[in-house]
Protein backbone atom coordinates (compact mmCIF):
# COMPACT_ATOMS: atom_id res chain seq x y z
CA UNK A 1 0.00 0.00 0.00
CA UNK A 2 1.35 3.41 -0.94
CA UNK A 3 1.49 5.68 2.10
CA UNK A 4 1.08 8.80 -0.03
CA UNK A 5 -2.08 7.52 -1.71
CA UNK A 6 -3.89 8.03 1.59
CA UNK A 7 -3.89 11.78 1.14
CA UNK A 8 -6.30 12.56 -1.68
CA UNK A 9 -6.05 11.72 -5.35
CA UNK A 10 -3.14 9.87 -6.83
CA UNK A 11 -0.47 11.17 -4.52
CA UNK A 12 -1.88 14.22 -2.84
CA UNK A 13 -4.41 16.93 -3.45
CA UNK A 14 -4.36 19.14 -6.53
CA UNK A 15 -4.05 22.19 -4.30
CA UNK A 16 -0.46 21.60 -3.31
CA UNK A 17 0.65 19.98 -6.57
CA UNK A 18 0.14 23.25 -8.44
CA UNK A 19 2.89 25.04 -6.55
CA UNK A 20 5.92 22.74 -6.52
CA UNK A 21 6.61 19.51 -8.39
CA UNK A 22 9.65 18.19 -6.51
CA UNK A 23 8.07 17.59 -3.09
CA UNK A 24 5.76 15.00 -1.61
CA UNK A 25 2.93 15.18 0.91
CA UNK A 26 5.20 15.09 3.97
CA UNK A 27 7.26 17.99 2.61
CA UNK A 28 4.13 20.06 2.09
CA UNK A 29 2.71 19.06 5.46
CA UNK A 30 5.79 20.53 7.14
CA UNK A 31 6.99 23.36 4.92
CA UNK A 32 3.66 24.71 3.69
CA UNK A 33 0.70 23.62 5.81
CA UNK A 34 2.42 23.84 9.20
CA UNK A 35 4.32 27.02 8.34
CA UNK A 36 1.09 28.63 7.10
CA UNK A 37 -0.75 27.62 10.27
CA UNK A 38 1.99 29.16 12.41
CA UNK A 39 2.02 32.36 10.36
CA UNK A 40 -1.77 32.66 10.66
CA UNK A 41 -1.59 32.18 14.42
CA UNK A 42 1.15 34.78 14.70
CA UNK A 43 -1.06 37.30 12.90
CA UNK A 44 -4.06 36.51 15.13
CA UNK A 45 -2.07 36.86 18.34
CA UNK A 46 -0.44 40.08 17.11
CA UNK A 47 -3.85 41.53 16.29
CA UNK A 48 -5.10 40.65 19.77
CA UNK A 49 -2.05 42.23 21.40
CA UNK A 50 -1.85 45.44 19.40
CA UNK A 51 -5.57 46.01 18.73
CA UNK A 52 -7.36 46.45 22.03
CA UNK A 53 -6.06 45.85 25.56
CA UNK A 54 -3.96 42.69 25.98
CA UNK A 55 -3.99 43.18 29.77
CA UNK A 56 -6.36 44.83 32.23
CA UNK A 57 -5.38 45.41 35.86
CA UNK A 58 -7.67 45.99 38.81
CA UNK A 59 -6.32 49.15 40.43
CA UNK A 60 -7.18 51.01 43.67
CA UNK A 61 -9.91 53.67 43.56
CA UNK A 62 -7.35 56.42 44.00
CA UNK A 63 -5.82 55.72 40.57
CA UNK A 64 -6.88 58.08 37.80
CA UNK A 65 -6.96 57.15 34.12
CA UNK A 66 -3.27 57.93 33.57
CA UNK A 67 -2.25 55.78 36.54
CA UNK A 68 -4.43 52.92 35.28
CA UNK A 69 -2.81 53.12 31.84
CA UNK A 70 0.63 53.21 33.45
CA UNK A 71 -0.22 50.12 35.53
CA UNK A 72 -1.45 48.18 32.51
CA UNK A 73 1.61 49.09 30.43
CA UNK A 74 4.04 48.36 33.26
CA UNK A 75 2.55 44.97 34.07
CA UNK A 76 2.50 44.02 30.39
CA UNK A 77 6.14 44.96 29.86
CA UNK A 78 7.64 43.85 33.18
CA UNK A 79 5.78 40.52 33.41
CA UNK A 80 3.26 39.35 35.94
CA UNK A 81 3.12 36.13 37.93
CA UNK A 82 0.55 33.50 38.75
CA UNK A 83 -0.52 32.33 42.21
CA UNK A 84 -3.57 30.23 43.06
CA UNK A 85 -6.11 32.07 45.19
CA UNK A 86 -5.50 29.74 48.10
CA UNK A 87 -1.82 30.79 48.36
CA UNK A 88 -0.46 33.89 50.05
CA UNK A 89 1.42 36.58 48.16
CA UNK A 90 5.18 36.14 48.74
CA UNK A 91 7.16 38.56 50.85
CA UNK A 92 8.59 41.66 49.21
CA UNK A 93 12.04 40.21 48.48
CA UNK A 94 10.87 36.66 47.80
CA UNK A 95 11.18 35.41 44.18
CA UNK A 96 8.10 35.46 41.96
CA UNK A 97 7.21 32.81 39.32
CA UNK A 98 7.13 35.39 36.53
CA UNK A 99 5.27 34.74 33.30
CA UNK A 100 7.62 36.11 30.67
CA UNK A 101 6.34 34.66 27.42
CA UNK A 102 3.10 36.37 26.42
CA UNK A 103 4.77 39.45 24.85
CA UNK A 104 6.92 37.23 22.64
CA UNK A 105 4.33 34.72 21.37
CA UNK A 106 4.04 36.26 17.84
CA UNK A 107 7.81 36.21 17.42
CA UNK A 108 8.21 32.62 18.60
CA UNK A 109 5.46 31.55 16.20
CA UNK A 110 7.26 33.29 13.33
CA UNK A 111 10.50 31.56 14.32
CA UNK A 112 8.72 28.21 14.37
CA UNK A 113 7.29 28.85 10.88
CA UNK A 114 10.80 29.60 9.59
CA UNK A 115 12.20 26.43 11.17
CA UNK A 116 9.50 24.32 9.52
CA UNK A 117 10.30 25.87 6.15
CA UNK A 118 14.08 25.57 6.51
CA UNK A 119 14.46 21.86 5.51
CA UNK A 120 12.69 22.47 2.20
CA UNK A 121 15.15 25.28 1.49
CA UNK A 122 17.98 22.81 2.11
CA UNK A 123 16.31 20.32 -0.25
CA UNK A 124 15.82 22.80 -3.08
CA UNK A 125 19.27 24.34 -2.85
CA UNK A 126 21.12 21.01 -2.78
CA UNK A 127 18.85 19.08 -5.15
CA UNK A 128 19.38 21.73 -7.83
CA UNK A 129 23.08 20.84 -7.82
CA UNK A 130 22.43 17.16 -8.56
CA UNK A 131 22.18 17.61 -12.32
CA UNK A 132 18.48 16.92 -12.85
CA UNK A 133 15.71 19.44 -12.20
CA UNK A 134 12.76 17.37 -11.01
CA UNK A 135 10.49 20.38 -10.65
CA UNK A 136 10.96 21.51 -14.25
CA UNK A 137 10.59 17.99 -15.62
CA UNK A 138 7.35 17.30 -13.76
CA UNK A 139 6.01 20.73 -14.63
CA UNK A 140 6.54 19.96 -18.32
CA UNK A 141 4.80 16.59 -17.94
CA UNK A 142 1.82 18.25 -16.25
CA UNK A 143 1.63 21.10 -18.77
CA UNK A 144 -1.09 21.45 -21.40
CA UNK A 145 1.48 20.78 -24.14
CA UNK A 146 1.85 17.24 -22.84
CA UNK A 147 -1.83 16.62 -23.56
CA UNK A 148 -1.41 17.82 -27.15
CA UNK A 149 -0.61 14.74 -29.31
CA UNK A 150 1.51 16.86 -31.66
CA UNK A 151 3.68 18.28 -28.89
CA UNK A 152 3.59 15.29 -26.58
CA UNK A 153 6.14 13.25 -28.53
CA UNK A 154 8.57 16.17 -28.62
CA UNK A 155 8.19 16.77 -24.88
CA UNK A 156 8.72 13.12 -23.99
CA UNK A 157 11.79 12.79 -26.21
CA UNK A 158 13.30 15.93 -24.77
CA UNK A 159 12.78 14.75 -21.18
CA UNK A 160 14.13 11.28 -21.96
CA UNK A 161 17.31 12.70 -23.48
CA UNK A 162 17.82 15.02 -20.50
CA UNK A 163 17.43 12.12 -18.10
CA UNK A 164 19.88 10.12 -20.21
CA UNK A 165 22.42 12.95 -20.05
CA UNK A 166 22.22 12.84 -16.26
CA UNK A 167 22.69 9.06 -16.20
CA UNK A 168 25.50 9.23 -18.80
CA UNK A 169 27.49 11.78 -16.80
CA UNK A 170 27.03 9.76 -13.61
CA UNK A 171 28.02 6.52 -15.31
CA UNK A 172 31.06 8.25 -16.83
CA UNK A 173 32.39 9.12 -13.40
CA UNK A 174 31.51 5.66 -12.09
CA UNK A 175 33.61 4.01 -14.73
CA UNK A 176 30.73 2.58 -16.76
CA UNK A 177 32.25 3.96 -19.93
CA UNK A 178 35.82 2.93 -19.45
CA UNK A 179 37.02 5.45 -16.86
CA UNK A 180 37.58 4.81 -13.22
CA UNK A 181 35.26 6.75 -10.98
CA UNK A 182 36.24 8.70 -7.91
CA UNK A 183 34.82 7.48 -4.61
CA UNK A 184 33.20 9.71 -2.05
CA UNK A 185 32.81 9.24 1.67
CA UNK A 186 30.62 6.25 2.60
CA UNK A 187 29.79 5.70 -1.10
CA UNK A 188 27.18 8.47 -0.97
CA UNK A 189 27.16 11.24 -3.54
CA UNK A 190 26.19 12.32 -7.02
CA UNK A 191 28.74 10.01 -8.68
CA UNK A 192 27.29 7.01 -6.89
CA UNK A 193 23.77 7.74 -8.10
CA UNK A 194 22.22 8.07 -4.65
CA UNK A 195 22.63 11.76 -3.82
CA UNK A 196 18.99 12.81 -4.30
CA UNK A 197 17.54 9.77 -2.53
CA UNK A 198 19.80 10.20 0.50
CA UNK A 199 19.21 13.97 0.55
CA UNK A 200 15.46 13.36 0.60
CA UNK A 201 15.79 10.98 3.55
CA UNK A 202 18.01 13.46 5.39
CA UNK A 203 15.40 16.19 4.88
CA UNK A 204 12.72 13.86 6.28
CA UNK A 205 14.89 13.34 9.36
CA UNK A 206 15.28 17.13 9.66
CA UNK A 207 11.50 17.54 9.50
CA UNK A 208 10.93 14.97 12.26
CA UNK A 209 13.74 16.39 14.40
CA UNK A 210 12.34 19.87 13.94
CA UNK A 211 8.76 18.91 14.87
CA UNK A 212 9.84 17.02 18.00
CA UNK A 213 12.46 19.63 18.87
CA UNK A 214 9.91 22.43 18.71
CA UNK A 215 7.87 20.77 21.45
CA UNK A 216 10.90 21.05 23.72
CA UNK A 217 11.64 24.55 22.39
CA UNK A 218 8.19 25.60 23.62
CA UNK A 219 8.94 23.78 26.85
CA UNK A 220 11.85 26.16 27.44
CA UNK A 221 10.01 29.21 26.10
CA UNK A 222 6.84 28.79 28.14
CA UNK A 223 8.69 27.72 31.28
CA UNK A 224 6.31 24.80 31.86
CA UNK A 225 6.28 21.08 31.19
CA UNK A 226 4.93 21.66 27.68
CA UNK A 227 6.22 18.32 26.37
CA UNK A 228 3.46 16.58 28.42
CA UNK A 229 0.84 19.30 27.89
CA UNK A 230 -1.32 17.22 25.56
CA UNK A 231 -1.27 14.23 27.92
CA UNK A 232 -2.32 16.47 30.81
CA UNK A 233 -5.22 17.91 28.77
CA UNK A 234 -6.40 14.42 27.84
CA UNK A 235 -6.12 13.28 31.46
CA UNK A 236 -8.14 16.29 32.65
CA UNK A 237 -10.86 15.56 30.10
CA UNK A 238 -11.02 11.90 31.10
CA UNK A 239 -11.34 12.76 34.80
CA UNK A 240 -13.69 15.70 34.16
CA UNK A 241 -11.29 18.28 35.57
CA UNK A 242 -11.07 21.90 34.48
CA UNK A 243 -7.94 21.91 32.29
CA UNK A 244 -8.07 25.72 31.91
CA UNK A 245 -6.86 26.41 35.48
CA UNK A 246 -3.62 24.44 35.48
CA UNK A 247 -1.45 27.58 35.61
CA UNK A 248 0.20 27.11 32.21
CA UNK A 249 -1.77 29.92 30.60
CA UNK A 250 -3.37 31.79 33.52
CA UNK A 251 -6.03 34.37 32.78
CA UNK A 252 -5.67 36.10 36.15
CA UNK A 253 -2.22 37.09 37.39
CA UNK A 254 -0.57 39.38 39.93
CA UNK A 255 1.77 42.27 39.30
CA UNK A 256 4.07 44.16 41.69
CA UNK A 257 5.31 47.68 41.04
CA UNK A 258 6.59 50.67 42.96
CA UNK A 259 5.69 54.34 42.67
CA UNK A 260 7.88 57.18 44.00
CA UNK A 261 5.86 59.88 45.73
CA UNK A 262 6.95 63.15 47.33
CA UNK A 263 10.69 62.82 46.99
CA UNK A 264 11.96 59.57 48.52
CA UNK A 265 8.64 58.13 49.58
CA UNK A 266 8.34 54.87 47.61
CA UNK A 267 5.02 53.09 47.70
CA UNK A 268 4.60 49.47 46.61
CA UNK A 269 1.46 48.10 44.94
CA UNK A 270 0.32 44.60 44.13
CA UNK A 271 -2.53 44.53 41.62
CA UNK A 272 -4.55 41.75 40.08
CA UNK A 273 -4.56 41.63 36.26
CA UNK A 274 -6.53 39.84 33.59
CA UNK A 275 -4.70 38.49 30.51
CA UNK A 276 -7.34 37.93 27.79
CA UNK A 277 -4.56 37.10 25.31
CA UNK A 278 -3.76 33.96 27.28
CA UNK A 279 -7.15 32.54 26.33
CA UNK A 280 -5.93 32.57 22.73
CA UNK A 281 -2.45 31.38 23.66
CA UNK A 282 -3.87 28.40 25.53
CA UNK A 283 -5.94 27.23 22.55
CA UNK A 284 -3.12 27.90 20.10
CA UNK A 285 -0.44 25.97 21.96
CA UNK A 286 -2.79 23.12 22.83
CA UNK A 287 -3.56 22.74 19.12
CA UNK A 288 0.15 23.01 18.23
CA UNK A 289 1.08 20.23 20.65
CA UNK A 290 -1.30 17.78 19.00
CA UNK A 291 -0.43 19.08 15.51
CA UNK A 292 3.30 18.61 16.06
CA UNK A 293 2.68 15.04 17.24
CA UNK A 294 0.62 14.33 14.10
CA UNK A 295 3.22 15.93 11.82
CA UNK A 296 6.03 13.98 13.50
CA UNK A 297 4.17 10.69 13.13
CA UNK A 298 3.19 11.34 9.48
CA UNK A 299 6.71 12.39 8.52
CA UNK A 300 8.21 9.36 10.27
CA UNK A 301 5.88 7.10 8.30
CA UNK A 302 6.87 8.99 5.14
CA UNK A 303 10.54 8.41 5.92
CA UNK A 304 10.10 4.66 6.31
CA UNK A 305 7.85 4.55 3.23
CA UNK A 306 10.62 6.12 1.13
CA UNK A 307 13.21 3.86 2.75
CA UNK A 308 11.14 0.84 1.81
CA UNK A 309 10.53 2.09 -1.74
CA UNK A 310 14.28 2.44 -2.33
CA UNK A 311 15.11 -1.18 -1.50
CA UNK A 312 16.47 -3.10 -4.53
CA UNK A 313 13.48 -5.44 -4.76
CA UNK A 314 11.01 -2.57 -4.50
CA UNK A 315 12.86 -0.61 -7.20
CA UNK A 316 12.72 -3.57 -9.60
CA UNK A 317 9.05 -4.12 -8.87
CA UNK A 318 8.25 -0.43 -9.42
CA UNK A 319 9.90 -0.29 -12.86
CA UNK A 320 8.54 -3.66 -14.01
CA UNK A 321 5.01 -2.75 -12.94
CA UNK A 322 4.99 0.43 -15.02
CA UNK A 323 6.61 -1.25 -18.02
CA UNK A 324 3.96 -3.97 -17.93
CA UNK A 325 1.21 -1.35 -17.89
CA UNK A 326 2.33 -0.16 -21.33
CA UNK A 327 3.14 -3.67 -22.60
CA UNK A 328 6.81 -2.77 -22.94
CA UNK A 329 8.25 -5.68 -20.96
CA UNK A 330 8.45 -9.29 -22.14
CA UNK A 331 9.53 -12.30 -20.04
CA UNK A 332 12.82 -12.43 -22.00
CA UNK A 333 13.69 -8.92 -20.81
CA UNK A 334 13.98 -9.82 -17.11
CA UNK A 335 17.79 -9.65 -16.91
CA UNK A 336 17.98 -6.58 -19.12
CA UNK A 337 15.38 -4.86 -16.95
CA UNK A 338 17.45 -5.57 -13.83
CA UNK A 339 20.45 -4.02 -15.55
CA UNK A 340 18.30 -1.05 -16.57
CA UNK A 341 17.27 -0.50 -12.94
CA UNK A 342 20.57 -1.07 -11.15
CA UNK A 343 23.24 -0.07 -13.69
CA UNK A 344 21.47 2.72 -15.55
CA UNK A 345 18.82 4.34 -13.37
CA UNK A 346 20.57 3.71 -10.07
CA UNK A 347 18.93 4.83 -6.83
CA UNK A 348 18.51 8.45 -7.92
CA UNK A 349 16.88 7.52 -11.20
CA UNK A 350 14.19 5.40 -9.55
CA UNK A 351 13.75 8.03 -6.84
CA UNK A 352 13.29 10.74 -9.47
CA UNK A 353 10.70 8.66 -11.31
CA UNK A 354 8.83 7.96 -8.08
CA UNK A 355 8.78 11.66 -7.21
CA UNK A 356 7.54 12.52 -10.70
CA UNK A 357 4.80 9.93 -10.21
CA UNK A 358 3.76 11.48 -6.91
CA UNK A 359 3.29 14.80 -8.68
CA UNK A 360 1.53 13.50 -11.80
CA UNK A 361 -0.33 10.19 -12.34
CA UNK A 362 0.31 6.52 -13.11
CA UNK A 363 -0.48 6.70 -16.82
CA UNK A 364 1.89 9.60 -17.50
CA UNK A 365 4.62 8.01 -15.41
CA UNK A 366 4.23 4.61 -17.12
CA UNK A 367 4.53 6.19 -20.56
CA UNK A 368 7.61 8.16 -19.52
CA UNK A 369 9.33 5.06 -18.07
CA UNK A 370 8.44 3.13 -21.22
CA UNK A 371 10.04 5.75 -23.46
CA UNK A 372 13.13 5.81 -21.26
CA UNK A 373 13.28 2.00 -21.45
CA UNK A 374 13.10 1.98 -25.26
CA UNK A 375 15.73 4.68 -25.47
CA UNK A 376 18.08 2.69 -23.20
CA UNK A 377 17.60 -0.49 -25.23
CA UNK A 378 18.37 1.23 -28.53
CA UNK A 379 21.26 3.46 -27.45
CA UNK A 380 23.16 1.11 -25.14
CA UNK A 381 22.06 -2.37 -26.25
CA UNK A 382 21.52 -1.80 -29.95
CA UNK A 383 17.96 -3.12 -29.93
CA UNK A 384 16.09 -1.09 -32.58
CA UNK A 385 12.66 -1.55 -31.04
CA UNK A 386 10.23 1.31 -31.62
CA UNK A 387 7.37 2.00 -29.22
CA UNK A 388 3.97 0.92 -30.56
CA UNK A 389 2.49 4.42 -30.47
CA UNK A 390 5.38 6.09 -32.27
CA UNK A 391 6.51 5.93 -35.91
CA UNK A 392 9.84 7.57 -35.31
CA UNK A 393 12.83 7.02 -33.07
CA UNK A 394 13.93 9.36 -30.33
CA UNK A 395 15.98 11.71 -32.48
CA UNK A 396 16.89 15.25 -31.60
CA UNK A 397 14.88 17.97 -33.32
CA UNK A 398 15.43 21.69 -33.74
CA UNK A 399 12.47 22.44 -31.50
CA UNK A 400 14.02 20.34 -28.74
CA UNK A 401 17.23 22.31 -28.91
CA UNK A 402 15.32 25.49 -28.15
CA UNK A 403 13.89 23.97 -24.97
CA UNK A 404 15.69 24.76 -21.70
CA UNK A 405 15.93 22.52 -18.71
CA UNK A 406 18.59 22.34 -16.05
CA UNK A 407 20.42 19.06 -16.18
């Protein structure tokens, strides 16, 4: 069962496929959906803080309007602290459990959005150096020209030749054409034909690490045991307890400040304040806890799904399945097909085809693999077999030369 088929359509919804063609559902779940959610929450919290009163303090009757405004501003900027009503206010010099996060919530949400987007930046910057532009290739396959029978053949031939150039250069450095290749550390790199596949897995690990790490980042930022926040909420619901009074996001706090009167006469006040913004913060961070857990689990499953798909047996099955769909594979071609998969496509070639499939559909992918298979047979094995739906071989045309694609 294909993990990615669970999320709408062939391999994801049409909404996210229109924007980028070199990502999968897990990439979009982290870099687009989660980042957009965090940005939206940052805007909502900012609007609540800067439009209206984020804090309201209960002041003595002697305070006029200016003193009340001063009290609200001071307690907002200098932090307040939470104490249950059944506890006494600490002595003057005793430490206070200050709540120092509510002013910075919009900024921490923006930082979180950036951290969720960062792995996809790493993927796009490094994948562009591999020698094959998956985004451009898939975009051409999904374009209207591909549906035009007159332009379709030209598009397919152009993409096949560009893929072949990538494989030819890689095989040249690997010694497949008579020259000894240069090894890289741990046999991982562009010359070993596994750079893109390994990079994709590394980015998945970055996504999972980021999602889990952000739970502990909020743990440090909020100054509470945020990493068990969701479990505590569930436990409170099960036992019918009020989960809104646990002190993590208190609505009612205390604030101490001093006022200098008549020279050196310093008077100390302790006022009770209401933090309406914490009602939003509580809902936001409760949702984020559960969302980060879901994102971490989905991305972990995506990582193992890719790891499974890149096993040798799974790669052979993937190519054979699509060649059989188009009737391009005969029983006598079994050994040649294995050579096609392992000595020509390599890990990166199969990975690229899988990623193209996750951003298009099975029929388009099967036709593309079939054309690549015929091209390989003719160019490298001297088998002049022409695809059934084509009356001409894959020869370069003037129109193809005018096309541009990074390879």
